Structure formats: structure tokens, C-alpha cells
Amino acid sequence: RSCAGENLAKREMFLFFTTLLQNFTFKAPSGAKLDLSPEMG
């Protein structure tokens, strides 16, 4: 009963993530604080 979409999700994440980092460098706006706390739900 594991996630039926596991293989699809892994493929999506690899392709999207590498394409984004291939084309862009991501930076926080000046003075912004990056909070790694999750939004609970």
C-alpha cells in the first residue's frame, strides 16, 4: 500500500529540480530571513 505514484514523483522531482538549477541561481532578497519551520497542516 505504498504510494502508487512514487516512480512518477521521483522522475518529476529530478527533471524539474535539475532544469530549474540549470537555468537559474536562487537567492533570498536582501535582508530576508529564511525560516525552515514547516507550515503545519
PDB file of all heavy atoms in Angstrom:
ATOM      1  N   ARG A   1       0.820  -1.217   0.000  1.00  0.00           N
ATOM      2  CA  ARG A   1       0.000   0.000   0.000  1.00  0.00           C
ATOM      3  C   ARG A   1       0.854   1.267   0.000  1.00  0.00           C
ATOM      4  O   ARG A   1       0.410   2.322   0.425  1.00  0.00           O
ATOM      5  CB  ARG A   1      -0.957  -0.011   1.198  1.00  0.00           C
ATOM      6  CG  ARG A   1      -1.979  -1.139   1.153  1.00  0.00           C
ATOM      7  CD  ARG A   1      -2.980  -0.934   0.024  1.00  0.00           C
ATOM      8  NE  ARG A   1      -3.965  -2.003  -0.029  1.00  0.00           N
ATOM      9  CZ  ARG A   1      -3.970  -2.953  -0.943  1.00  0.00           C
ATOM     10  NH1 ARG A   1      -3.021  -2.972  -1.876  1.00  0.00           N
ATOM     11  NH2 ARG A   1      -4.890  -3.887  -0.946  1.00  0.00           N
ATOM     12  N   SER A   2       2.094   1.155  -0.459  1.00  0.00           N
ATOM     13  CA  SER A   2       2.922   2.354  -0.577  1.00  0.00           C
ATOM     14  C   SER A   2       2.398   3.229  -1.705  1.00  0.00           C
ATOM     15  O   SER A   2       1.567   2.801  -2.510  1.00  0.00           O
ATOM     16  CB  SER A   2       4.382   1.972  -0.835  1.00  0.00           C
ATOM     17  OG  SER A   2       4.499   1.286  -2.062  1.00  0.00           O
ATOM     18  N   CYS A   3       2.894   4.442  -1.794  1.00  0.00           N
ATOM     19  CA  CYS A   3       2.397   5.416  -2.768  1.00  0.00           C
ATOM     20  C   CYS A   3       2.526   4.886  -4.194  1.00  0.00           C
ATOM     21  O   CYS A   3       3.629   4.554  -4.644  1.00  0.00           O
ATOM     22  CB  CYS A   3       3.159   6.731  -2.623  1.00  0.00           C
ATOM     23  SG  CYS A   3       2.692   7.977  -3.844  1.00  0.00           S
ATOM     24  N   ALA A   4       1.419   4.827  -4.899  1.00  0.00           N
ATOM     25  CA  ALA A   4       1.423   4.318  -6.274  1.00  0.00           C
ATOM     26  C   ALA A   4       2.163   5.256  -7.224  1.00  0.00           C
ATOM     27  O   ALA A   4       2.595   4.847  -8.297  1.00  0.00           O
ATOM     28  CB  ALA A   4      -0.004   4.109  -6.754  1.00  0.00           C
ATOM     29  N   GLY A   5       2.302   6.530  -6.840  1.00  0.00           N
ATOM     30  CA  GLY A   5       2.950   7.499  -7.715  1.00  0.00           C
ATOM     31  C   GLY A   5       4.417   7.717  -7.417  1.00  0.00           C
ATOM     32  O   GLY A   5       5.003   8.698  -7.883  1.00  0.00           O
ATOM     33  N   GLU A   6       5.049   6.804  -6.659  1.00  0.00           N
ATOM     34  CA  GLU A   6       6.431   7.010  -6.244  1.00  0.00           C
ATOM     35  C   GLU A   6       7.377   7.200  -7.425  1.00  0.00           C
ATOM     36  O   GLU A   6       8.161   8.152  -7.472  1.00  0.00           O
ATOM     37  CB  GLU A   6       6.902   5.831  -5.380  1.00  0.00           C
ATOM     38  CG  GLU A   6       8.355   5.955  -4.940  1.00  0.00           C
ATOM     39  CD  GLU A   6       8.774   4.832  -4.001  1.00  0.00           C
ATOM     40  OE1 GLU A   6       7.901   4.026  -3.587  1.00  0.00           O
ATOM     41  OE2 GLU A   6       9.976   4.762  -3.673  1.00  0.00           O
ATOM     42  N   ASN A   7       7.328   6.305  -8.404  1.00  0.00           N
ATOM     43  CA  ASN A   7       8.250   6.402  -9.543  1.00  0.00           C
ATOM     44  C   ASN A   7       8.018   7.679 -10.339  1.00  0.00           C
ATOM     45  O   ASN A   7       8.972   8.337 -10.777  1.00  0.00           O
ATOM     46  CB  ASN A   7       8.106   5.175 -10.442  1.00  0.00           C
ATOM     47  CG  ASN A   7       8.701   3.934  -9.813  1.00  0.00           C
ATOM     48  OD1 ASN A   7       9.630   4.022  -9.013  1.00  0.00           O
ATOM     49  ND2 ASN A   7       8.169   2.775 -10.152  1.00  0.00           N
ATOM     50  N   LEU A   8       6.741   8.033 -10.534  1.00  0.00           N
ATOM     51  CA  LEU A   8       6.429   9.266 -11.253  1.00  0.00           C
ATOM     52  C   LEU A   8       6.954  10.477 -10.490  1.00  0.00           C
ATOM     53  O   LEU A   8       7.559  11.382 -11.081  1.00  0.00           O
ATOM     54  CB  LEU A   8       4.921   9.386 -11.461  1.00  0.00           C
ATOM     55  CG  LEU A   8       4.427  10.692 -12.091  1.00  0.00           C
ATOM     56  CD1 LEU A   8       5.003  10.878 -13.484  1.00  0.00           C
ATOM     57  CD2 LEU A   8       2.902  10.724 -12.130  1.00  0.00           C
ATOM     58  N   ALA A   9       6.742  10.503  -9.174  1.00  0.00           N
ATOM     59  CA  ALA A   9       7.189  11.641  -8.363  1.00  0.00           C
ATOM     60  C   ALA A   9       8.702  11.794  -8.409  1.00  0.00           C
ATOM     61  O   ALA A   9       9.219  12.910  -8.529  1.00  0.00           O
ATOM     62  CB  ALA A   9       6.719  11.458  -6.923  1.00  0.00           C
ATOM     63  N   LYS A  10       9.423  10.689  -8.339  1.00  0.00           N
ATOM     64  CA  LYS A  10      10.888  10.754  -8.384  1.00  0.00           C
ATOM     65  C   LYS A  10      11.369  11.315  -9.718  1.00  0.00           C
ATOM     66  O   LYS A  10      12.316  12.121  -9.769  1.00  0.00           O
ATOM     67  CB  LYS A  10      11.470   9.365  -8.158  1.00  0.00           C
ATOM     68  CG  LYS A  10      11.361   8.873  -6.717  1.00  0.00           C
ATOM     69  CD  LYS A  10      11.948   7.477  -6.573  1.00  0.00           C
ATOM     70  CE  LYS A  10      11.915   7.016  -5.125  1.00  0.00           C
ATOM     71  NZ  LYS A  10      12.459   5.646  -4.971  1.00  0.00           N
ATOM     72  N   ARG A  11      10.731  10.907 -10.788  1.00  0.00           N
ATOM     73  CA  ARG A  11      11.106  11.411 -12.108  1.00  0.00           C
ATOM     74  C   ARG A  11      10.800  12.910 -12.223  1.00  0.00           C
ATOM     75  O   ARG A  11      11.622  13.690 -12.714  1.00  0.00           O
ATOM     76  CB  ARG A  11      10.358  10.643 -13.205  1.00  0.00           C
ATOM     77  CG  ARG A  11      10.830   9.219 -13.384  1.00  0.00           C
ATOM     78  CD  ARG A  11       9.881   8.398 -14.243  1.00  0.00           C
ATOM     79  NE  ARG A  11      10.404   7.075 -14.507  1.00  0.00           N
ATOM     80  CZ  ARG A  11      11.041   6.722 -15.612  1.00  0.00           C
ATOM     81  NH1 ARG A  11      11.217   7.610 -16.576  1.00  0.00           N
ATOM     82  NH2 ARG A  11      11.490   5.493 -15.771  1.00  0.00           N
ATOM     83  N   GLU A  12       9.609  13.287 -11.764  1.00  0.00           N
ATOM     84  CA  GLU A  12       9.223  14.695 -11.828  1.00  0.00           C
ATOM     85  C   GLU A  12      10.194  15.568 -11.055  1.00  0.00           C
ATOM     86  O   GLU A  12      10.650  16.614 -11.546  1.00  0.00           O
ATOM     87  CB  GLU A  12       7.811  14.877 -11.264  1.00  0.00           C
ATOM     88  CG  GLU A  12       6.706  14.369 -12.159  1.00  0.00           C
ATOM     89  CD  GLU A  12       5.338  14.554 -11.528  1.00  0.00           C
ATOM     90  OE1 GLU A  12       5.226  14.515 -10.288  1.00  0.00           O
ATOM     91  OE2 GLU A  12       4.370  14.743 -12.286  1.00  0.00           O
ATOM     92  N   MET A  13      10.497  15.162  -9.829  1.00  0.00           N
ATOM     93  CA  MET A  13      11.367  15.990  -8.988  1.00  0.00           C
ATOM     94  C   MET A  13      12.757  16.129  -9.575  1.00  0.00           C
ATOM     95  O   MET A  13      13.344  17.214  -9.542  1.00  0.00           O
ATOM     96  CB  MET A  13      11.417  15.407  -7.572  1.00  0.00           C
ATOM     97  CG  MET A  13      10.146  15.675  -6.788  1.00  0.00           C
ATOM     98  SD  MET A  13      10.208  15.143  -5.071  1.00  0.00           S
ATOM     99  CE  MET A  13      10.068  13.377  -5.260  1.00  0.00           C
ATOM    100  N   PHE A  14      13.298  15.050 -10.128  1.00  0.00           N
ATOM    101  CA  PHE A  14      14.627  15.146 -10.728  1.00  0.00           C
ATOM    102  C   PHE A  14      14.616  16.078 -11.931  1.00  0.00           C
ATOM    103  O   PHE A  14      15.479  16.960 -12.054  1.00  0.00           O
ATOM    104  CB  PHE A  14      15.124  13.755 -11.158  1.00  0.00           C
ATOM    105  CG  PHE A  14      16.455  13.807 -11.863  1.00  0.00           C
ATOM    106  CD1 PHE A  14      17.630  13.922 -11.149  1.00  0.00           C
ATOM    107  CD2 PHE A  14      16.521  13.759 -13.252  1.00  0.00           C
ATOM    108  CE1 PHE A  14      18.860  13.995 -11.807  1.00  0.00           C
ATOM    109  CE2 PHE A  14      17.738  13.821 -13.916  1.00  0.00           C
ATOM    110  CZ  PHE A  14      18.907  13.939 -13.187  1.00  0.00           C
ATOM    111  N   LEU A  15      13.641  15.911 -12.823  1.00  0.00           N
ATOM    112  CA  LEU A  15      13.614  16.718 -14.049  1.00  0.00           C
ATOM    113  C   LEU A  15      13.343  18.190 -13.749  1.00  0.00           C
ATOM    114  O   LEU A  15      14.004  19.077 -14.304  1.00  0.00           O
ATOM    115  CB  LEU A  15      12.565  16.162 -15.010  1.00  0.00           C
ATOM    116  CG  LEU A  15      12.865  14.765 -15.573  1.00  0.00           C
ATOM    117  CD1 LEU A  15      11.687  14.257 -16.393  1.00  0.00           C
ATOM    118  CD2 LEU A  15      14.129  14.790 -16.423  1.00  0.00           C
ATOM    119  N   PHE A  16      12.372  18.470 -12.876  1.00  0.00           N
ATOM    120  CA  PHE A  16      12.063  19.864 -12.541  1.00  0.00           C
ATOM    121  C   PHE A  16      13.235  20.519 -11.807  1.00  0.00           C
ATOM    122  O   PHE A  16      13.635  21.647 -12.113  1.00  0.00           O
ATOM    123  CB  PHE A  16      10.799  19.948 -11.682  1.00  0.00           C
ATOM    124  CG  PHE A  16       9.521  19.785 -12.458  1.00  0.00           C
ATOM    125  CD1 PHE A  16       8.575  18.852 -12.067  1.00  0.00           C
ATOM    126  CD2 PHE A  16       9.253  20.551 -13.573  1.00  0.00           C
ATOM    127  CE1 PHE A  16       7.395  18.688 -12.774  1.00  0.00           C
ATOM    128  CE2 PHE A  16       8.078  20.407 -14.286  1.00  0.00           C
ATOM    129  CZ  PHE A  16       7.145  19.471 -13.892  1.00  0.00           C
ATOM    130  N   PHE A  17      13.777  19.824 -10.809  1.00  0.00           N
ATOM    131  CA  PHE A  17      14.839  20.394  -9.970  1.00  0.00           C
ATOM    132  C   PHE A  17      16.087  20.692 -10.796  1.00  0.00           C
ATOM    133  O   PHE A  17      16.665  21.785 -10.700  1.00  0.00           O
ATOM    134  CB  PHE A  17      15.159  19.422  -8.831  1.00  0.00           C
ATOM    135  CG  PHE A  17      16.134  19.953  -7.817  1.00  0.00           C
ATOM    136  CD1 PHE A  17      15.762  20.950  -6.927  1.00  0.00           C
ATOM    137  CD2 PHE A  17      17.423  19.443  -7.738  1.00  0.00           C
ATOM    138  CE1 PHE A  17      16.660  21.440  -5.984  1.00  0.00           C
ATOM    139  CE2 PHE A  17      18.324  19.917  -6.806  1.00  0.00           C
ATOM    140  CZ  PHE A  17      17.942  20.925  -5.923  1.00  0.00           C
ATOM    141  N   THR A  18      16.526  19.732 -11.620  1.00  0.00           N
ATOM    142  CA  THR A  18      17.733  19.960 -12.410  1.00  0.00           C
ATOM    143  C   THR A  18      17.514  21.035 -13.467  1.00  0.00           C
ATOM    144  O   THR A  18      18.412  21.842 -13.730  1.00  0.00           O
ATOM    145  CB  THR A  18      18.196  18.651 -13.091  1.00  0.00           C
ATOM    146  OG1 THR A  18      17.106  18.090 -13.826  1.00  0.00           O
ATOM    147  CG2 THR A  18      18.675  17.658 -12.065  1.00  0.00           C
ATOM    148  N   THR A  19      16.333  21.074 -14.063  1.00  0.00           N
ATOM    149  CA  THR A  19      16.055  22.105 -15.071  1.00  0.00           C
ATOM    150  C   THR A  19      16.062  23.492 -14.447  1.00  0.00           C
ATOM    151  O   THR A  19      16.606  24.452 -15.018  1.00  0.00           O
ATOM    152  CB  THR A  19      14.700  21.838 -15.753  1.00  0.00           C
ATOM    153  OG1 THR A  19      14.737  20.558 -16.389  1.00  0.00           O
ATOM    154  CG2 THR A  19      14.400  22.901 -16.805  1.00  0.00           C
ATOM    155  N   LEU A  20      15.484  23.622 -13.261  1.00  0.00           N
ATOM    156  CA  LEU A  20      15.464  24.917 -12.580  1.00  0.00           C
ATOM    157  C   LEU A  20      16.872  25.377 -12.227  1.00  0.00           C
ATOM    158  O   LEU A  20      17.244  26.527 -12.468  1.00  0.00           O
ATOM    159  CB  LEU A  20      14.595  24.833 -11.319  1.00  0.00           C
ATOM    160  CG  LEU A  20      13.087  24.792 -11.553  1.00  0.00           C
ATOM    161  CD1 LEU A  20      12.346  24.384 -10.282  1.00  0.00           C
ATOM    162  CD2 LEU A  20      12.581  26.147 -12.041  1.00  0.00           C
ATOM    163  N   LEU A  21      17.683  24.476 -11.661  1.00  0.00           N
ATOM    164  CA  LEU A  21      19.034  24.868 -11.254  1.00  0.00           C
ATOM    165  C   LEU A  21      19.983  24.982 -12.435  1.00  0.00           C
ATOM    166  O   LEU A  21      21.011  25.646 -12.346  1.00  0.00           O
ATOM    167  CB  LEU A  21      19.594  23.892 -10.211  1.00  0.00           C
ATOM    168  CG  LEU A  21      19.367  24.348  -8.762  1.00  0.00           C
ATOM    169  CD1 LEU A  21      17.884  24.335  -8.424  1.00  0.00           C
ATOM    170  CD2 LEU A  21      20.149  23.505  -7.779  1.00  0.00           C
ATOM    171  N   GLN A  22      19.637  24.355 -13.542  1.00  0.00           N
ATOM    172  CA  GLN A  22      20.419  24.520 -14.762  1.00  0.00           C
ATOM    173  C   GLN A  22      20.279  25.940 -15.308  1.00  0.00           C
ATOM    174  O   GLN A  22      21.235  26.516 -15.831  1.00  0.00           O
ATOM    175  CB  GLN A  22      19.958  23.512 -15.810  1.00  0.00           C
ATOM    176  CG  GLN A  22      20.709  23.569 -17.143  1.00  0.00           C
ATOM    177  CD  GLN A  22      20.058  22.660 -18.170  1.00  0.00           C
ATOM    178  OE1 GLN A  22      18.841  22.718 -18.379  1.00  0.00           O
ATOM    179  NE2 GLN A  22      20.837  21.811 -18.802  1.00  0.00           N
ATOM    180  N   ASN A  23      19.093  26.509 -15.142  1.00  0.00           N
ATOM    181  CA  ASN A  23      18.793  27.799 -15.761  1.00  0.00           C
ATOM    182  C   ASN A  23      18.808  28.990 -14.816  1.00  0.00           C
ATOM    183  O   ASN A  23      18.893  30.138 -15.265  1.00  0.00           O
ATOM    184  CB  ASN A  23      17.423  27.718 -16.436  1.00  0.00           C
ATOM    185  CG  ASN A  23      17.434  26.815 -17.656  1.00  0.00           C
ATOM    186  OD1 ASN A  23      17.887  27.215 -18.725  1.00  0.00           O
ATOM    187  ND2 ASN A  23      16.957  25.586 -17.505  1.00  0.00           N
ATOM    188  N   PHE A  24      18.724  28.729 -13.504  1.00  0.00           N
ATOM    189  CA  PHE A  24      18.655  29.834 -12.540  1.00  0.00           C
ATOM    190  C   PHE A  24      19.508  29.551 -11.310  1.00  0.00           C
ATOM    191  O   PHE A  24      19.720  28.400 -10.935  1.00  0.00           O
ATOM    192  CB  PHE A  24      17.211  30.062 -12.070  1.00  0.00           C
ATOM    193  CG  PHE A  24      16.261  30.449 -13.158  1.00  0.00           C
ATOM    194  CD1 PHE A  24      15.473  29.487 -13.780  1.00  0.00           C
ATOM    195  CD2 PHE A  24      16.140  31.779 -13.560  1.00  0.00           C
ATOM    196  CE1 PHE A  24      14.586  29.832 -14.783  1.00  0.00           C
ATOM    197  CE2 PHE A  24      15.250  32.132 -14.570  1.00  0.00           C
ATOM    198  CZ  PHE A  24      14.480  31.160 -15.186  1.00  0.00           C
ATOM    199  N   THR A  25      19.978  30.636 -10.707  1.00  0.00           N
ATOM    200  CA  THR A  25      20.532  30.577  -9.354  1.00  0.00           C
ATOM    201  C   THR A  25      19.529  31.258  -8.440  1.00  0.00           C
ATOM    202  O   THR A  25      19.062  32.362  -8.735  1.00  0.00           O
ATOM    203  CB  THR A  25      21.887  31.296  -9.269  1.00  0.00           C
ATOM    204  OG1 THR A  25      22.844  30.586 -10.067  1.00  0.00           O
ATOM    205  CG2 THR A  25      22.383  31.356  -7.819  1.00  0.00           C
ATOM    206  N   PHE A  26      19.192  30.602  -7.347  1.00  0.00           N
ATOM    207  CA  PHE A  26      18.146  31.103  -6.456  1.00  0.00           C
ATOM    208  C   PHE A  26      18.774  31.734  -5.216  1.00  0.00           C
ATOM    209  O   PHE A  26      19.601  31.119  -4.543  1.00  0.00           O
ATOM    210  CB  PHE A  26      17.190  29.974  -6.082  1.00  0.00           C
ATOM    211  CG  PHE A  26      16.463  29.426  -7.271  1.00  0.00           C
ATOM    212  CD1 PHE A  26      16.961  28.323  -7.967  1.00  0.00           C
ATOM    213  CD2 PHE A  26      15.299  30.029  -7.730  1.00  0.00           C
ATOM    214  CE1 PHE A  26      16.304  27.829  -9.082  1.00  0.00           C
ATOM    215  CE2 PHE A  26      14.637  29.543  -8.847  1.00  0.00           C
ATOM    216  CZ  PHE A  26      15.135  28.445  -9.526  1.00  0.00           C
ATOM    217  N   LYS A  27      18.368  32.983  -4.954  1.00  0.00           N
ATOM    218  CA  LYS A  27      18.880  33.728  -3.813  1.00  0.00           C
ATOM    219  C   LYS A  27      17.732  34.408  -3.083  1.00  0.00           C
ATOM    220  O   LYS A  27      16.705  34.744  -3.681  1.00  0.00           O
ATOM    221  CB  LYS A  27      19.891  34.787  -4.267  1.00  0.00           C
ATOM    222  CG  LYS A  27      21.170  34.222  -4.869  1.00  0.00           C
ATOM    223  CD  LYS A  27      22.147  35.337  -5.224  1.00  0.00           C
ATOM    224  CE  LYS A  27      23.449  34.764  -5.775  1.00  0.00           C
ATOM    225  NZ  LYS A  27      24.429  35.847  -6.117  1.00  0.00           N
ATOM    226  N   ALA A  28      17.928  34.608  -1.783  1.00  0.00           N
ATOM    227  CA  ALA A  28      16.923  35.323  -1.000  1.00  0.00           C
ATOM    228  C   ALA A  28      17.060  36.821  -1.252  1.00  0.00           C
ATOM    229  O   ALA A  28      18.170  37.320  -1.477  1.00  0.00           O
ATOM    230  CB  ALA A  28      17.113  35.028   0.481  1.00  0.00           C
ATOM    231  N   PRO A  29      15.973  37.572  -1.240  1.00  0.00           N
ATOM    232  CA  PRO A  29      16.062  39.030  -1.352  1.00  0.00           C
ATOM    233  C   PRO A  29      16.916  39.595  -0.225  1.00  0.00           C
ATOM    234  O   PRO A  29      17.021  39.001   0.855  1.00  0.00           O
ATOM    235  CB  PRO A  29      14.604  39.482  -1.229  1.00  0.00           C
ATOM    236  CG  PRO A  29      13.794  38.279  -1.598  1.00  0.00           C
ATOM    237  CD  PRO A  29      14.585  37.103  -1.137  1.00  0.00           C
ATOM    238  N   SER A  30      17.516  40.728  -0.468  1.00  0.00           N
ATOM    239  CA  SER A  30      18.400  41.351   0.532  1.00  0.00           C
ATOM    240  C   SER A  30      17.654  41.548   1.856  1.00  0.00           C
ATOM    241  O   SER A  30      16.561  42.108   1.897  1.00  0.00           O
ATOM    242  CB  SER A  30      18.889  42.704   0.005  1.00  0.00           C
ATOM    243  OG  SER A  30      19.712  43.329   0.964  1.00  0.00           O
ATOM    244  N   GLY A  31      18.276  41.070   2.927  1.00  0.00           N
ATOM    245  CA  GLY A  31      17.712  41.248   4.262  1.00  0.00           C
ATOM    246  C   GLY A  31      16.668  40.237   4.664  1.00  0.00           C
ATOM    247  O   GLY A  31      16.186  40.239   5.800  1.00  0.00           O
ATOM    248  N   ALA A  32      16.287  39.344   3.740  1.00  0.00           N
ATOM    249  CA  ALA A  32      15.247  38.361   4.050  1.00  0.00           C
ATOM    250  C   ALA A  32      15.807  37.259   4.945  1.00  0.00           C
ATOM    251  O   ALA A  32      16.957  36.844   4.812  1.00  0.00           O
ATOM    252  CB  ALA A  32      14.686  37.762   2.770  1.00  0.00           C
ATOM    253  N   LYS A  33      14.985  36.787   5.859  1.00  0.00           N
ATOM    254  CA  LYS A  33      15.358  35.681   6.726  1.00  0.00           C
ATOM    255  C   LYS A  33      14.654  34.416   6.233  1.00  0.00           C
ATOM    256  O   LYS A  33      13.459  34.426   5.960  1.00  0.00           O
ATOM    257  CB  LYS A  33      14.960  35.973   8.178  1.00  0.00           C
ATOM    258  CG  LYS A  33      15.744  37.118   8.805  1.00  0.00           C
ATOM    259  CD  LYS A  33      15.358  37.315  10.260  1.00  0.00           C
ATOM    260  CE  LYS A  33      16.165  38.442  10.892  1.00  0.00           C
ATOM    261  NZ  LYS A  33      15.802  38.646  12.328  1.00  0.00           N
ATOM    262  N   LEU A  34      15.428  33.358   6.119  1.00  0.00           N
ATOM    263  CA  LEU A  34      14.891  32.106   5.604  1.00  0.00           C
ATOM    264  C   LEU A  34      14.518  31.192   6.764  1.00  0.00           C
ATOM    265  O   LEU A  34      15.381  30.716   7.499  1.00  0.00           O
ATOM    266  CB  LEU A  34      15.920  31.427   4.693  1.00  0.00           C
ATOM    267  CG  LEU A  34      16.335  32.239   3.461  1.00  0.00           C
ATOM    268  CD1 LEU A  34      17.433  31.527   2.698  1.00  0.00           C
ATOM    269  CD2 LEU A  34      15.134  32.492   2.556  1.00  0.00           C
ATOM    270  N   ASP A  35      13.228  30.968   6.922  1.00  0.00           N
ATOM    271  CA  ASP A  35      12.701  30.164   8.022  1.00  0.00           C
ATOM    272  C   ASP A  35      12.427  28.742   7.523  1.00  0.00           C
ATOM    273  O   ASP A  35      11.658  28.553   6.586  1.00  0.00           O
ATOM    274  CB  ASP A  35      11.416  30.797   8.559  1.00  0.00           C
ATOM    275  CG  ASP A  35      10.930  30.148   9.839  1.00  0.00           C
ATOM    276  OD1 ASP A  35      11.436  29.069  10.201  1.00  0.00           O
ATOM    277  OD2 ASP A  35      10.026  30.718  10.481  1.00  0.00           O
ATOM    278  N   LEU A  36      13.075  27.759   8.142  1.00  0.00           N
ATOM    279  CA  LEU A  36      12.903  26.371   7.726  1.00  0.00           C
ATOM    280  C   LEU A  36      11.813  25.654   8.523  1.00  0.00           C
ATOM    281  O   LEU A  36      11.675  24.435   8.429  1.00  0.00           O
ATOM    282  CB  LEU A  36      14.227  25.610   7.860  1.00  0.00           C
ATOM    283  CG  LEU A  36      15.385  26.114   6.994  1.00  0.00           C
ATOM    284  CD1 LEU A  36      16.609  25.231   7.180  1.00  0.00           C
ATOM    285  CD2 LEU A  36      14.996  26.177   5.522  1.00  0.00           C
ATOM    286  N   SER A  37      11.027  26.406   9.278  1.00  0.00           N
ATOM    287  CA  SER A  37       9.916  25.804  10.008  1.00  0.00           C
ATOM    288  C   SER A  37       8.797  25.455   9.026  1.00  0.00           C
ATOM    289  O   SER A  37       8.508  26.234   8.113  1.00  0.00           O
ATOM    290  CB  SER A  37       9.364  26.762  11.067  1.00  0.00           C
ATOM    291  OG  SER A  37      10.378  27.148  11.976  1.00  0.00           O
ATOM    292  N   PRO A  38       8.155  24.310   9.192  1.00  0.00           N
ATOM    293  CA  PRO A  38       7.065  23.946   8.281  1.00  0.00           C
ATOM    294  C   PRO A  38       5.774  24.661   8.625  1.00  0.00           C
ATOM    295  O   PRO A  38       5.557  25.064   9.766  1.00  0.00           O
ATOM    296  CB  PRO A  38       6.913  22.439   8.501  1.00  0.00           C
ATOM    297  CG  PRO A  38       7.348  22.226   9.915  1.00  0.00           C
ATOM    298  CD  PRO A  38       8.450  23.232  10.150  1.00  0.00           C
ATOM    299  N   GLU A  39       4.940  24.836   7.610  1.00  0.00           N
ATOM    300  CA  GLU A  39       3.584  25.337   7.822  1.00  0.00           C
ATOM    301  C   GLU A  39       2.715  24.124   8.086  1.00  0.00           C
ATOM    302  O   GLU A  39       2.462  23.313   7.193  1.00  0.00           O
ATOM    303  CB  GLU A  39       3.102  26.103   6.587  1.00  0.00           C
ATOM    304  CG  GLU A  39       1.752  26.770   6.766  1.00  0.00           C
ATOM    305  CD  GLU A  39       1.417  27.682   5.603  1.00  0.00           C
ATOM    306  OE1 GLU A  39       1.771  27.345   4.456  1.00  0.00           O
ATOM    307  OE2 GLU A  39       0.804  28.741   5.833  1.00  0.00           O
ATOM    308  N   MET A  40       2.281  23.976   9.317  1.00  0.00           N
ATOM    309  CA  MET A  40       1.614  22.755   9.735  1.00  0.00           C
ATOM    310  C   MET A  40       0.263  22.581   9.049  1.00  0.00           C
ATOM    311  O   MET A  40      -0.477  23.545   8.854  1.00  0.00           O
ATOM    312  CB  MET A  40       1.434  22.740  11.252  1.00  0.00           C
ATOM    313  CG  MET A  40       2.743  22.828  12.028  1.00  0.00           C
ATOM    314  SD  MET A  40       3.893  21.502  11.594  1.00  0.00           S
ATOM    315  CE  MET A  40       3.008  20.084  12.234  1.00  0.00           C
ATOM    316  N   GLY A  41      -0.012  21.347   8.686  1.00  0.00           N
ATOM    317  CA  GLY A  41      -1.280  21.013   8.048  1.00  0.00           C
ATOM    318  C   GLY A  41      -1.319  19.525   7.788  1.00  0.00           C
ATOM    319  O   GLY A  41      -0.576  18.756   8.412  1.00  0.00           O
TER     320      GLY A  41
END
